[in-house]
């Protein structure tokens, strides 16, 4: 349940927010947000570059598994360092 003093805003793109609140208003809204989720599909290079800079370097963990004819032959975690 969302408390009375909270606001949840879901936008399809950065430019959609700029159209509603202007560039400065959108920057203020974005910088004050507690949670920011990028769902993919945006094709705005300026926004994506800024998002990439905010994220910075990170480690990505992924599960690796290979299957034999009957059972799981090997499994484990791999760490990729992206920058």
C-alpha atoms as a PDB file:
ATOM      1  CA  UNK A   1       0.000   0.000   0.000  1.00  0.00           C
ATOM      2  CA  UNK A   2       1.303   3.486  -0.842  1.00  0.00           C
ATOM      3  CA  UNK A   3       1.127   5.994   1.997  1.00  0.00           C
ATOM      4  CA  UNK A   4      -0.744   9.240   1.481  1.00  0.00           C
ATOM      5  CA  UNK A   5       2.440  11.308   1.162  1.00  0.00           C
ATOM      6  CA  UNK A   6       4.139   9.120  -1.466  1.00  0.00           C
ATOM      7  CA  UNK A   7       4.001   9.488  -5.219  1.00  0.00           C
ATOM      8  CA  UNK A   8       4.709   6.837  -7.812  1.00  0.00           C
ATOM      9  CA  UNK A   9       5.406   8.047 -11.324  1.00  0.00           C
ATOM     10  CA  UNK A  10       5.959   5.685 -14.226  1.00  0.00           C
ATOM     11  CA  UNK A  11       7.173   7.174 -17.489  1.00  0.00           C
ATOM     12  CA  UNK A  12       7.755   5.535 -20.845  1.00  0.00           C
ATOM     13  CA  UNK A  13      10.767   7.747 -21.559  1.00  0.00           C
ATOM     14  CA  UNK A  14      12.832  10.631 -20.231  1.00  0.00           C
ATOM     15  CA  UNK A  15      11.407  12.961 -22.869  1.00  0.00           C
ATOM     16  CA  UNK A  16       7.876  12.182 -21.698  1.00  0.00           C
ATOM     17  CA  UNK A  17       8.818  13.594 -18.285  1.00  0.00           C
ATOM     18  CA  UNK A  18      10.491  16.607 -19.877  1.00  0.00           C
ATOM     19  CA  UNK A  19       7.285  17.315 -21.818  1.00  0.00           C
ATOM     20  CA  UNK A  20       5.291  17.385 -18.560  1.00  0.00           C
ATOM     21  CA  UNK A  21       7.699  19.035 -16.084  1.00  0.00           C
ATOM     22  CA  UNK A  22      10.328  20.672 -18.322  1.00  0.00           C
ATOM     23  CA  UNK A  23      14.027  19.741 -18.369  1.00  0.00           C
ATOM     24  CA  UNK A  24      14.849  21.295 -14.971  1.00  0.00           C
ATOM     25  CA  UNK A  25      11.739  19.843 -13.345  1.00  0.00           C
ATOM     26  CA  UNK A  26      12.487  16.372 -14.687  1.00  0.00           C
ATOM     27  CA  UNK A  27      16.088  16.540 -13.445  1.00  0.00           C
ATOM     28  CA  UNK A  28      14.841  17.546  -9.977  1.00  0.00           C
ATOM     29  CA  UNK A  29      12.283  14.744  -9.949  1.00  0.00           C
ATOM     30  CA  UNK A  30      14.857  12.173 -11.083  1.00  0.00           C
ATOM     31  CA  UNK A  31      17.531  13.272  -8.610  1.00  0.00           C
ATOM     32  CA  UNK A  32      15.077  13.267  -5.695  1.00  0.00           C
ATOM     33  CA  UNK A  33      13.650   9.813  -6.437  1.00  0.00           C
ATOM     34  CA  UNK A  34      14.405   7.004  -4.004  1.00  0.00           C
ATOM     35  CA  UNK A  35      14.049   4.279  -6.619  1.00  0.00           C
ATOM     36  CA  UNK A  36      14.731   4.482 -10.337  1.00  0.00           C
ATOM     37  CA  UNK A  37      14.025   1.492 -12.544  1.00  0.00           C
ATOM     38  CA  UNK A  38      15.031   1.323 -16.191  1.00  0.00           C
ATOM     39  CA  UNK A  39      12.901  -1.150 -18.107  1.00  0.00           C
ATOM     40  CA  UNK A  40      14.712  -0.993 -21.431  1.00  0.00           C
ATOM     41  CA  UNK A  41      13.557   0.017 -24.873  1.00  0.00           C
ATOM     42  CA  UNK A  42      14.453   3.722 -24.632  1.00  0.00           C
ATOM     43  CA  UNK A  43      16.334   5.080 -27.626  1.00  0.00           C
ATOM     44  CA  UNK A  44      17.460   8.434 -26.232  1.00  0.00           C
ATOM     45  CA  UNK A  45      21.287   8.589 -26.308  1.00  0.00           C
ATOM     46  CA  UNK A  46      21.574  11.567 -23.945  1.00  0.00           C
ATOM     47  CA  UNK A  47      19.482   9.865 -21.246  1.00  0.00           C
ATOM     48  CA  UNK A  48      21.194   6.491 -21.723  1.00  0.00           C
ATOM     49  CA  UNK A  49      24.672   8.059 -21.488  1.00  0.00           C
ATOM     50  CA  UNK A  50      23.741   9.841 -18.247  1.00  0.00           C
ATOM     51  CA  UNK A  51      22.237   6.633 -16.858  1.00  0.00           C
ATOM     52  CA  UNK A  52      25.418   4.743 -17.736  1.00  0.00           C
ATOM     53  CA  UNK A  53      27.563   7.375 -16.003  1.00  0.00           C
ATOM     54  CA  UNK A  54      25.401   7.185 -12.870  1.00  0.00           C
ATOM     55  CA  UNK A  55      25.685   3.395 -12.758  1.00  0.00           C
ATOM     56  CA  UNK A  56      29.436   3.436 -13.358  1.00  0.00           C
ATOM     57  CA  UNK A  57      31.484   0.251 -13.146  1.00  0.00           C
ATOM     58  CA  UNK A  58      29.674  -2.786 -11.850  1.00  0.00           C
ATOM     59  CA  UNK A  59      29.967  -6.539 -11.472  1.00  0.00           C
ATOM     60  CA  UNK A  60      27.369  -8.708 -13.153  1.00  0.00           C
ATOM     61  CA  UNK A  61      26.794 -12.182 -11.767  1.00  0.00           C
ATOM     62  CA  UNK A  62      25.263 -14.867 -13.934  1.00  0.00           C
ATOM     63  CA  UNK A  63      24.526 -18.499 -13.353  1.00  0.00           C
ATOM     64  CA  UNK A  64      26.237 -20.951 -15.700  1.00  0.00           C
ATOM     65  CA  UNK A  65      25.046 -24.491 -16.212  1.00  0.00           C
ATOM     66  CA  UNK A  66      25.568 -27.208 -18.738  1.00  0.00           C
ATOM     67  CA  UNK A  67      23.430 -30.286 -19.063  1.00  0.00           C
ATOM     68  CA  UNK A  68      24.486 -33.841 -19.656  1.00  0.00           C
ATOM     69  CA  UNK A  69      22.076 -36.376 -21.109  1.00  0.00           C
ATOM     70  CA  UNK A  70      20.508 -37.209 -17.750  1.00  0.00           C
ATOM     71  CA  UNK A  71      21.665 -34.743 -15.104  1.00  0.00           C
ATOM     72  CA  UNK A  72      23.247 -31.366 -14.578  1.00  0.00           C
ATOM     73  CA  UNK A  73      26.900 -31.844 -15.511  1.00  0.00           C
ATOM     74  CA  UNK A  74      28.325 -28.610 -14.150  1.00  0.00           C
ATOM     75  CA  UNK A  75      27.121 -25.419 -12.613  1.00  0.00           C
ATOM     76  CA  UNK A  76      28.457 -22.306 -10.991  1.00  0.00           C
ATOM     77  CA  UNK A  77      28.488 -18.556 -10.924  1.00  0.00           C
ATOM     78  CA  UNK A  78      30.532 -16.337 -13.218  1.00  0.00           C
ATOM     79  CA  UNK A  79      31.391 -12.730 -12.542  1.00  0.00           C
ATOM     80  CA  UNK A  80      31.794 -10.261 -15.399  1.00  0.00           C
ATOM     81  CA  UNK A  81      33.265  -6.863 -14.735  1.00  0.00           C
ATOM     82  CA  UNK A  82      31.729  -4.217 -16.973  1.00  0.00           C
ATOM     83  CA  UNK A  83      32.874  -0.658 -17.259  1.00  0.00           C
END
